[in-house]
Amino acid sequence: MDEQVHISSLVVQTRPERVAEIRAWCQAGDKSEVHAADPRGTLILVIEASGQRESMDFIDRLRQQDGVLDVSLIYHHVESAQALDREMGDER
């Protein structure tokens, strides 16, 4: 059976003085990537997980970080790992 990859994008609101610390926490693991950070307290990140439970566990741990005010799930997509591993060819 082909494994699935759950890809989610999040907007995280933090206290401005905690942006760098929360960003570092997000980047410490191998499941998330911070794509933007605003010094006023907004982070945009993407997480990849093997299942919905793993995604929600990450979000729950993130919400518990000191200085995190809100975490909003913006997008969630499920793709087969096999499809993600295929090289994209010239589609013309």
PDB file of N, CA and C in Angstrom:
ATOM      1  N   MET A   1       0.830  -1.193   0.000  1.00  0.00           N
ATOM      2  CA  MET A   1       0.000   0.000   0.000  1.00  0.00           C
ATOM      3  C   MET A   1       0.871   1.251   0.000  1.00  0.00           C
ATOM      4  N   ASP A   2       0.532   2.190  -0.823  1.00  0.00           N
ATOM      5  CA  ASP A   2       1.299   3.421  -0.947  1.00  0.00           C
ATOM      6  C   ASP A   2       1.066   4.318   0.262  1.00  0.00           C
ATOM      7  N   GLU A   3       2.148   4.824   0.817  1.00  0.00           N
ATOM      8  CA  GLU A   3       2.042   5.747   1.943  1.00  0.00           C
ATOM      9  C   GLU A   3       1.518   7.091   1.470  1.00  0.00           C
ATOM     10  N   GLN A   4       0.908   7.809   2.385  1.00  0.00           N
ATOM     11  CA  GLN A   4       0.392   9.135   2.078  1.00  0.00           C
ATOM     12  C   GLN A   4       1.228  10.200   2.769  1.00  0.00           C
ATOM     13  N   VAL A   5       1.261  11.366   2.170  1.00  0.00           N
ATOM     14  CA  VAL A   5       1.907  12.532   2.757  1.00  0.00           C
ATOM     15  C   VAL A   5       0.832  13.601   2.918  1.00  0.00           C
ATOM     16  N   HIS A   6       0.706  14.098   4.128  1.00  0.00           N
ATOM     17  CA  HIS A   6      -0.247  15.167   4.418  1.00  0.00           C
ATOM     18  C   HIS A   6       0.525  16.483   4.435  1.00  0.00           C
ATOM     19  N   ILE A   7       0.133  17.397   3.578  1.00  0.00           N
ATOM     20  CA  ILE A   7       0.793  18.697   3.449  1.00  0.00           C
ATOM     21  C   ILE A   7      -0.194  19.758   3.916  1.00  0.00           C
ATOM     22  N   SER A   8       0.228  20.561   4.878  1.00  0.00           N
ATOM     23  CA  SER A   8      -0.650  21.596   5.433  1.00  0.00           C
ATOM     24  C   SER A   8       0.089  22.915   5.507  1.00  0.00           C
ATOM     25  N   SER A   9      -0.638  23.990   5.270  1.00  0.00           N
ATOM     26  CA  SER A   9      -0.058  25.317   5.480  1.00  0.00           C
ATOM     27  C   SER A   9      -0.755  25.950   6.671  1.00  0.00           C
ATOM     28  N   LEU A  10       0.037  26.696   7.438  1.00  0.00           N
ATOM     29  CA  LEU A  10      -0.445  27.315   8.664  1.00  0.00           C
ATOM     30  C   LEU A  10      -0.060  28.783   8.712  1.00  0.00           C
ATOM     31  N   VAL A  11      -0.904  29.576   9.327  1.00  0.00           N
ATOM     32  CA  VAL A  11      -0.555  30.951   9.700  1.00  0.00           C
ATOM     33  C   VAL A  11      -0.529  30.959  11.219  1.00  0.00           C
ATOM     34  N   VAL A  12       0.584  31.422  11.764  1.00  0.00           N
ATOM     35  CA  VAL A  12       0.783  31.425  13.208  1.00  0.00           C
ATOM     36  C   VAL A  12       0.941  32.868  13.675  1.00  0.00           C
ATOM     37  N   GLN A  13       0.117  33.253  14.636  1.00  0.00           N
ATOM     38  CA  GLN A  13       0.232  34.578  15.248  1.00  0.00           C
ATOM     39  C   GLN A  13       0.964  34.418  16.572  1.00  0.00           C
ATOM     40  N   THR A  14       2.020  35.201  16.754  1.00  0.00           N
ATOM     41  CA  THR A  14       2.811  35.137  17.980  1.00  0.00           C
ATOM     42  C   THR A  14       2.952  36.531  18.577  1.00  0.00           C
ATOM     43  N   ARG A  15       3.404  36.564  19.790  1.00  0.00           N
ATOM     44  CA  ARG A  15       3.803  37.849  20.369  1.00  0.00           C
ATOM     45  C   ARG A  15       5.054  38.295  19.603  1.00  0.00           C
ATOM     46  N   PRO A  16       5.127  39.571  19.235  1.00  0.00           N
ATOM     47  CA  PRO A  16       6.256  40.027  18.415  1.00  0.00           C
ATOM     48  C   PRO A  16       7.625  39.685  19.007  1.00  0.00           C
ATOM     49  N   GLU A  17       7.757  39.764  20.302  1.00  0.00           N
ATOM     50  CA  GLU A  17       9.054  39.487  20.930  1.00  0.00           C
ATOM     51  C   GLU A  17       9.418  37.997  20.906  1.00  0.00           C
ATOM     52  N   ARG A  18       8.496  37.134  20.492  1.00  0.00           N
ATOM     53  CA  ARG A  18       8.736  35.692  20.474  1.00  0.00           C
ATOM     54  C   ARG A  18       8.861  35.105  19.065  1.00  0.00           C
ATOM     55  N   VAL A  19       8.779  35.944  18.033  1.00  0.00           N
ATOM     56  CA  VAL A  19       8.807  35.449  16.648  1.00  0.00           C
ATOM     57  C   VAL A  19      10.045  34.588  16.378  1.00  0.00           C
ATOM     58  N   ALA A  20      11.216  35.085  16.731  1.00  0.00           N
ATOM     59  CA  ALA A  20      12.453  34.347  16.432  1.00  0.00           C
ATOM     60  C   ALA A  20      12.488  33.007  17.159  1.00  0.00           C
ATOM     61  N   GLU A  21      12.049  32.986  18.401  1.00  0.00           N
ATOM     62  CA  GLU A  21      12.057  31.747  19.172  1.00  0.00           C
ATOM     63  C   GLU A  21      11.070  30.724  18.605  1.00  0.00           C
ATOM     64  N   ILE A  22       9.871  31.174  18.237  1.00  0.00           N
ATOM     65  CA  ILE A  22       8.873  30.268  17.669  1.00  0.00           C
ATOM     66  C   ILE A  22       9.342  29.770  16.300  1.00  0.00           C
ATOM     67  N   ARG A  23       9.936  30.656  15.535  1.00  0.00           N
ATOM     68  CA  ARG A  23      10.471  30.247  14.224  1.00  0.00           C
ATOM     69  C   ARG A  23      11.525  29.162  14.401  1.00  0.00           C
ATOM     70  N   ALA A  24      12.430  29.349  15.350  1.00  0.00           N
ATOM     71  CA  ALA A  24      13.474  28.352  15.605  1.00  0.00           C
ATOM     72  C   ALA A  24      12.861  27.020  16.047  1.00  0.00           C
ATOM     73  N   TRP A  25      11.821  27.071  16.881  1.00  0.00           N
ATOM     74  CA  TRP A  25      11.147  25.850  17.330  1.00  0.00           C
ATOM     75  C   TRP A  25      10.555  25.113  16.129  1.00  0.00           C
ATOM     76  N   CYS A  26       9.915  25.838  15.234  1.00  0.00           N
ATOM     77  CA  CYS A  26       9.303  25.228  14.049  1.00  0.00           C
ATOM     78  C   CYS A  26      10.353  24.594  13.145  1.00  0.00           C
ATOM     79  N   GLN A  27      11.485  25.232  13.019  1.00  0.00           N
ATOM     80  CA  GLN A  27      12.522  24.746  12.117  1.00  0.00           C
ATOM     81  C   GLN A  27      13.387  23.661  12.740  1.00  0.00           C
ATOM     82  N   ALA A  28      13.251  23.437  14.033  1.00  0.00           N
ATOM     83  CA  ALA A  28      14.082  22.440  14.719  1.00  0.00           C
ATOM     84  C   ALA A  28      13.746  21.021  14.264  1.00  0.00           C
ATOM     85  N   GLY A  29      12.517  20.776  13.908  1.00  0.00           N
ATOM     86  CA  GLY A  29      12.121  19.450  13.444  1.00  0.00           C
ATOM     87  C   GLY A  29      12.266  19.340  11.940  1.00  0.00           C
ATOM     88  N   ASP A  30      12.060  18.136  11.440  1.00  0.00           N
ATOM     89  CA  ASP A  30      12.191  17.922  10.001  1.00  0.00           C
ATOM     90  C   ASP A  30      10.843  17.922   9.290  1.00  0.00           C
ATOM     91  N   LYS A  31       9.775  18.254  10.001  1.00  0.00           N
ATOM     92  CA  LYS A  31       8.425  18.193   9.433  1.00  0.00           C
ATOM     93  C   LYS A  31       7.894  19.548   8.987  1.00  0.00           C
ATOM     94  N   SER A  32       8.582  20.629   9.338  1.00  0.00           N
ATOM     95  CA  SER A  32       8.025  21.946   9.011  1.00  0.00           C
ATOM     96  C   SER A  32       9.082  22.852   8.384  1.00  0.00           C
ATOM     97  N   GLU A  33       8.565  23.802   7.613  1.00  0.00           N
ATOM     98  CA  GLU A  33       9.419  24.792   6.953  1.00  0.00           C
ATOM     99  C   GLU A  33       8.729  26.145   7.059  1.00  0.00           C
ATOM    100  N   VAL A  34       9.453  27.124   7.583  1.00  0.00           N
ATOM    101  CA  VAL A  34       8.914  28.478   7.697  1.00  0.00           C
ATOM    102  C   VAL A  34       9.183  29.196   6.383  1.00  0.00           C
ATOM    103  N   HIS A  35       8.117  29.686   5.754  1.00  0.00           N
ATOM    104  CA  HIS A  35       8.252  30.357   4.456  1.00  0.00           C
ATOM    105  C   HIS A  35       8.282  31.871   4.590  1.00  0.00           C
ATOM    106  N   ALA A  36       7.747  32.393   5.684  1.00  0.00           N
ATOM    107  CA  ALA A  36       7.769  33.840   5.897  1.00  0.00           C
ATOM    108  C   ALA A  36       7.620  34.113   7.384  1.00  0.00           C
ATOM    109  N   ALA A  37       8.252  35.190   7.809  1.00  0.00           N
ATOM    110  CA  ALA A  37       8.134  35.629   9.200  1.00  0.00           C
ATOM    111  C   ALA A  37       8.100  37.148   9.226  1.00  0.00           C
ATOM    112  N   ASP A  38       7.108  37.685   9.880  1.00  0.00           N
ATOM    113  CA  ASP A  38       6.962  39.129  10.025  1.00  0.00           C
ATOM    114  C   ASP A  38       7.342  39.479  11.460  1.00  0.00           C
ATOM    115  N   PRO A  39       8.212  40.450  11.656  1.00  0.00           N
ATOM    116  CA  PRO A  39       8.630  40.798  13.015  1.00  0.00           C
ATOM    117  C   PRO A  39       7.477  41.271  13.908  1.00  0.00           C
ATOM    118  N   ARG A  40       6.345  41.574  13.292  1.00  0.00           N
ATOM    119  CA  ARG A  40       5.183  41.981  14.097  1.00  0.00           C
ATOM    120  C   ARG A  40       4.442  40.788  14.684  1.00  0.00           C
ATOM    121  N   GLY A  41       4.844  39.541  14.302  1.00  0.00           N
ATOM    122  CA  GLY A  41       4.276  38.379  14.955  1.00  0.00           C
ATOM    123  C   GLY A  41       3.583  37.358  14.085  1.00  0.00           C
ATOM    124  N   THR A  42       3.779  37.378  12.787  1.00  0.00           N
ATOM    125  CA  THR A  42       3.116  36.402  11.915  1.00  0.00           C
ATOM    126  C   THR A  42       4.147  35.489  11.264  1.00  0.00           C
ATOM    127  N   LEU A  43       3.871  34.191  11.294  1.00  0.00           N
ATOM    128  CA  LEU A  43       4.689  33.195  10.614  1.00  0.00           C
ATOM    129  C   LEU A  43       3.797  32.433   9.636  1.00  0.00           C
ATOM    130  N   ILE A  44       4.353  32.090   8.499  1.00  0.00           N
ATOM    131  CA  ILE A  44       3.665  31.233   7.535  1.00  0.00           C
ATOM    132  C   ILE A  44       4.539  30.007   7.353  1.00  0.00           C
ATOM    133  N   LEU A  45       3.949  28.838   7.579  1.00  0.00           N
ATOM    134  CA  LEU A  45       4.737  27.637   7.435  1.00  0.00           C
ATOM    135  C   LEU A  45       3.968  26.517   6.782  1.00  0.00           C
ATOM    136  N   VAL A  46       4.732  25.542   6.302  1.00  0.00           N
ATOM    137  CA  VAL A  46       4.187  24.338   5.698  1.00  0.00           C
ATOM    138  C   VAL A  46       4.707  23.160   6.509  1.00  0.00           C
ATOM    139  N   ILE A  47       3.809  22.223   6.802  1.00  0.00           N
ATOM    140  CA  ILE A  47       4.229  21.002   7.474  1.00  0.00           C
ATOM    141  C   ILE A  47       3.901  19.812   6.588  1.00  0.00           C
ATOM    142  N   GLU A  48       4.741  18.785   6.674  1.00  0.00           N
ATOM    143  CA  GLU A  48       4.509  17.523   5.986  1.00  0.00           C
ATOM    144  C   GLU A  48       4.479  16.443   7.045  1.00  0.00           C
ATOM    145  N   ALA A  49       3.453  15.599   6.989  1.00  0.00           N
ATOM    146  CA  ALA A  49       3.300  14.541   7.973  1.00  0.00           C
ATOM    147  C   ALA A  49       2.820  13.274   7.295  1.00  0.00           C
ATOM    148  N   SER A  50       2.955  12.169   8.006  1.00  0.00           N
ATOM    149  CA  SER A  50       2.536  10.883   7.440  1.00  0.00           C
ATOM    150  C   SER A  50       1.049  10.616   7.648  1.00  0.00           C
ATOM    151  N   GLY A  51       0.397  11.456   8.431  1.00  0.00           N
ATOM    152  CA  GLY A  51      -1.025  11.272   8.660  1.00  0.00           C
ATOM    153  C   GLY A  51      -1.646  12.489   9.312  1.00  0.00           C
ATOM    154  N   GLN A  52      -2.954  12.496   9.348  1.00  0.00           N
ATOM    155  CA  GLN A  52      -3.685  13.618   9.934  1.00  0.00           C
ATOM    156  C   GLN A  52      -3.357  13.763  11.419  1.00  0.00           C
ATOM    157  N   ARG A  53      -3.224  12.646  12.132  1.00  0.00           N
ATOM    158  CA  ARG A  53      -2.921  12.698  13.571  1.00  0.00           C
ATOM    159  C   ARG A  53      -1.572  13.367  13.808  1.00  0.00           C
ATOM    160  N   GLU A  54      -0.576  13.045  12.992  1.00  0.00           N
ATOM    161  CA  GLU A  54       0.751  13.652  13.136  1.00  0.00           C
ATOM    162  C   GLU A  54       0.677  15.161  12.878  1.00  0.00           C
ATOM    163  N   SER A  55      -0.106  15.573  11.888  1.00  0.00           N
ATOM    164  CA  SER A  55      -0.291  17.004  11.615  1.00  0.00           C
ATOM    165  C   SER A  55      -0.919  17.706  12.806  1.00  0.00           C
ATOM    166  N   MET A  56      -1.980  17.100  13.348  1.00  0.00           N
ATOM    167  CA  MET A  56      -2.674  17.721  14.474  1.00  0.00           C
ATOM    168  C   MET A  56      -1.807  17.738  15.732  1.00  0.00           C
ATOM    169  N   ASP A  57      -0.988  16.722  15.934  1.00  0.00           N
ATOM    170  CA  ASP A  57      -0.073  16.712  17.082  1.00  0.00           C
ATOM    171  C   ASP A  57       0.914  17.881  16.989  1.00  0.00           C
ATOM    172  N   PHE A  58       1.438  18.122  15.781  1.00  0.00           N
ATOM    173  CA  PHE A  58       2.356  19.248  15.594  1.00  0.00           C
ATOM    174  C   PHE A  58       1.644  20.563  15.917  1.00  0.00           C
ATOM    175  N   ILE A  59       0.436  20.730  15.387  1.00  0.00           N
ATOM    176  CA  ILE A  59      -0.328  21.957  15.618  1.00  0.00           C
ATOM    177  C   ILE A  59      -0.615  22.129  17.110  1.00  0.00           C
ATOM    178  N   ASP A  60      -0.976  21.060  17.788  1.00  0.00           N
ATOM    179  CA  ASP A  60      -1.247  21.135  19.232  1.00  0.00           C
ATOM    180  C   ASP A  60       0.000  21.534  20.011  1.00  0.00           C
ATOM    181  N   ARG A  61       1.148  20.947  19.669  1.00  0.00           N
ATOM    182  CA  ARG A  61       2.406  21.322  20.351  1.00  0.00           C
ATOM    183  C   ARG A  61       2.775  22.766  20.059  1.00  0.00           C
ATOM    184  N   LEU A  62       2.558  23.212  18.826  1.00  0.00           N
ATOM    185  CA  LEU A  62       2.840  24.592  18.455  1.00  0.00           C
ATOM    186  C   LEU A  62       1.972  25.556  19.259  1.00  0.00           C
ATOM    187  N   ARG A  63       0.702  25.236  19.392  1.00  0.00           N
ATOM    188  CA  ARG A  63      -0.216  26.089  20.166  1.00  0.00           C
ATOM    189  C   ARG A  63       0.218  26.224  21.616  1.00  0.00           C
ATOM    190  N   GLN A  64       0.913  25.236  22.140  1.00  0.00           N
ATOM    191  CA  GLN A  64       1.345  25.243  23.531  1.00  0.00           C
ATOM    192  C   GLN A  64       2.635  26.025  23.758  1.00  0.00           C
ATOM    193  N   GLN A  65       3.293  26.439  22.694  1.00  0.00           N
ATOM    194  CA  GLN A  65       4.541  27.187  22.845  1.00  0.00           C
ATOM    195  C   GLN A  65       4.264  28.565  23.431  1.00  0.00           C
ATOM    196  N   ASP A  66       5.105  28.960  24.376  1.00  0.00           N
ATOM    197  CA  ASP A  66       4.957  30.265  25.015  1.00  0.00           C
ATOM    198  C   ASP A  66       5.081  31.373  23.967  1.00  0.00           C
ATOM    199  N   GLY A  67       4.105  32.232  23.886  1.00  0.00           N
ATOM    200  CA  GLY A  67       4.116  33.336  22.940  1.00  0.00           C
ATOM    201  C   GLY A  67       3.251  33.111  21.713  1.00  0.00           C
ATOM    202  N   VAL A  68       2.764  31.884  21.505  1.00  0.00           N
ATOM    203  CA  VAL A  68       1.872  31.612  20.374  1.00  0.00           C
ATOM    204  C   VAL A  68       0.460  32.038  20.762  1.00  0.00           C
ATOM    205  N   LEU A  69      -0.125  32.909  19.959  1.00  0.00           N
ATOM    206  CA  LEU A  69      -1.469  33.413  20.221  1.00  0.00           C
ATOM    207  C   LEU A  69      -2.531  32.626  19.471  1.00  0.00           C
ATOM    208  N   ASP A  70      -2.221  32.215  18.228  1.00  0.00           N
ATOM    209  CA  ASP A  70      -3.197  31.501  17.420  1.00  0.00           C
ATOM    210  C   ASP A  70      -2.478  30.742  16.314  1.00  0.00           C
ATOM    211  N   VAL A  71      -3.034  29.590  15.953  1.00  0.00           N
ATOM    212  CA  VAL A  71      -2.550  28.799  14.819  1.00  0.00           C
ATOM    213  C   VAL A  71      -3.754  28.514  13.945  1.00  0.00           C
ATOM    214  N   SER A  72      -3.683  28.928  12.696  1.00  0.00           N
ATOM    215  CA  SER A  72      -4.787  28.703  11.756  1.00  0.00           C
ATOM    216  C   SER A  72      -4.337  27.763  10.648  1.00  0.00           C
ATOM    217  N   LEU A  73      -5.078  26.683  10.479  1.00  0.00           N
ATOM    218  CA  LEU A  73      -4.851  25.760   9.371  1.00  0.00           C
ATOM    219  C   LEU A  73      -5.488  26.378   8.138  1.00  0.00           C
ATOM    220  N   ILE A  74      -4.676  26.680   7.136  1.00  0.00           N
ATOM    221  CA  ILE A  74      -5.160  27.352   5.932  1.00  0.00           C
ATOM    222  C   ILE A  74      -5.446  26.365   4.809  1.00  0.00           C
ATOM    223  N   TYR A  75      -4.603  25.345   4.695  1.00  0.00           N
ATOM    224  CA  TYR A  75      -4.725  24.412   3.573  1.00  0.00           C
ATOM    225  C   TYR A  75      -4.253  23.044   4.022  1.00  0.00           C
ATOM    226  N   HIS A  76      -4.931  21.999   3.555  1.00  0.00           N
ATOM    227  CA  HIS A  76      -4.522  20.621   3.851  1.00  0.00           C
ATOM    228  C   HIS A  76      -4.722  19.782   2.591  1.00  0.00           C
ATOM    229  N   HIS A  77      -3.688  19.066   2.225  1.00  0.00           N
ATOM    230  CA  HIS A  77      -3.728  18.247   1.004  1.00  0.00           C
ATOM    231  C   HIS A  77      -3.085  16.898   1.305  1.00  0.00           C
ATOM    232  N   VAL A  78      -3.653  15.837   0.745  1.00  0.00           N
ATOM    233  CA  VAL A  78      -3.095  14.495   0.899  1.00  0.00           C
ATOM    234  C   VAL A  78      -2.652  14.011  -0.481  1.00  0.00           C
ATOM    235  N   GLU A  79      -1.432  13.527  -0.537  1.00  0.00           N
ATOM    236  CA  GLU A  79      -0.848  13.049  -1.796  1.00  0.00           C
ATOM    237  C   GLU A  79      -0.130  11.738  -1.502  1.00  0.00           C
ATOM    238  N   SER A  80      -0.069  10.860  -2.468  1.00  0.00           N
ATOM    239  CA  SER A  80       0.677   9.618  -2.260  1.00  0.00           C
ATOM    240  C   SER A  80       2.174   9.933  -2.291  1.00  0.00           C
ATOM    241  N   ALA A  81       2.916   9.261  -1.435  1.00  0.00           N
ATOM    242  CA  ALA A  81       4.364   9.462  -1.393  1.00  0.00           C
ATOM    243  C   ALA A  81       4.984   9.086  -2.723  1.00  0.00           C
ATOM    244  N   GLN A  82       4.443   8.077  -3.354  1.00  0.00           N
ATOM    245  CA  GLN A  82       4.951   7.630  -4.659  1.00  0.00           C
ATOM    246  C   GLN A  82       4.792   8.737  -5.707  1.00  0.00           C
ATOM    247  N   ALA A  83       3.660   9.415  -5.704  1.00  0.00           N
ATOM    248  CA  ALA A  83       3.437  10.500  -6.668  1.00  0.00           C
ATOM    249  C   ALA A  83       4.392  11.663  -6.415  1.00  0.00           C
ATOM    250  N   LEU A  84       4.679  11.935  -5.161  1.00  0.00           N
ATOM    251  CA  LEU A  84       5.591  13.037  -4.833  1.00  0.00           C
ATOM    252  C   LEU A  84       7.035  12.714  -5.209  1.00  0.00           C
ATOM    253  N   ASP A  85       7.376  11.438  -5.242  1.00  0.00           N
ATOM    254  CA  ASP A  85       8.740  11.035  -5.566  1.00  0.00           C
ATOM    255  C   ASP A  85       9.024  11.032  -7.073  1.00  0.00           C
ATOM    256  N   ARG A  86       7.964  11.025  -7.891  1.00  0.00           N
ATOM    257  CA  ARG A  86       8.158  11.010  -9.344  1.00  0.00           C
ATOM    258  C   ARG A  86       8.745  12.331  -9.820  1.00  0.00           C
ATOM    259  N   GLU A  87       9.645  12.239 -10.756  1.00  0.00           N
ATOM    260  CA  GLU A  87      10.208  13.437 -11.363  1.00  0.00           C
ATOM    261  C   GLU A  87       9.200  14.008 -12.327  1.00  0.00           C
ATOM    262  N   MET A  88       9.132  15.334 -12.339  1.00  0.00           N
ATOM    263  CA  MET A  88       8.218  15.992 -13.283  1.00  0.00           C
ATOM    264  C   MET A  88       8.914  16.057 -14.637  1.00  0.00           C
ATOM    265  N   GLY A  89       8.230  15.626 -15.637  1.00  0.00           N
ATOM    266  CA  GLY A  89       8.780  15.662 -16.987  1.00  0.00           C
ATOM    267  C   GLY A  89       8.299  16.892 -17.735  1.00  0.00           C
ATOM    268  N   ASP A  90       8.777  16.995 -18.929  1.00  0.00           N
ATOM    269  CA  ASP A  90       8.344  18.084 -19.797  1.00  0.00           C
ATOM    270  C   ASP A  90       6.932  17.768 -20.255  1.00  0.00           C
ATOM    271  N   GLU A  91       5.963  18.517 -19.808  1.00  0.00           N
ATOM    272  CA  GLU A  91       4.547  18.254 -20.066  1.00  0.00           C
ATOM    273  C   GLU A  91       4.052  18.822 -21.388  1.00  0.00           C
ATOM    274  N   ARG A  92       4.924  19.418 -22.165  1.00  0.00           N
ATOM    275  CA  ARG A  92       4.490  20.031 -23.427  1.00  0.00           C
ATOM    276  C   ARG A  92       4.099  19.035 -24.441  1.00  0.00           C
TER     277      ARG A  92
END
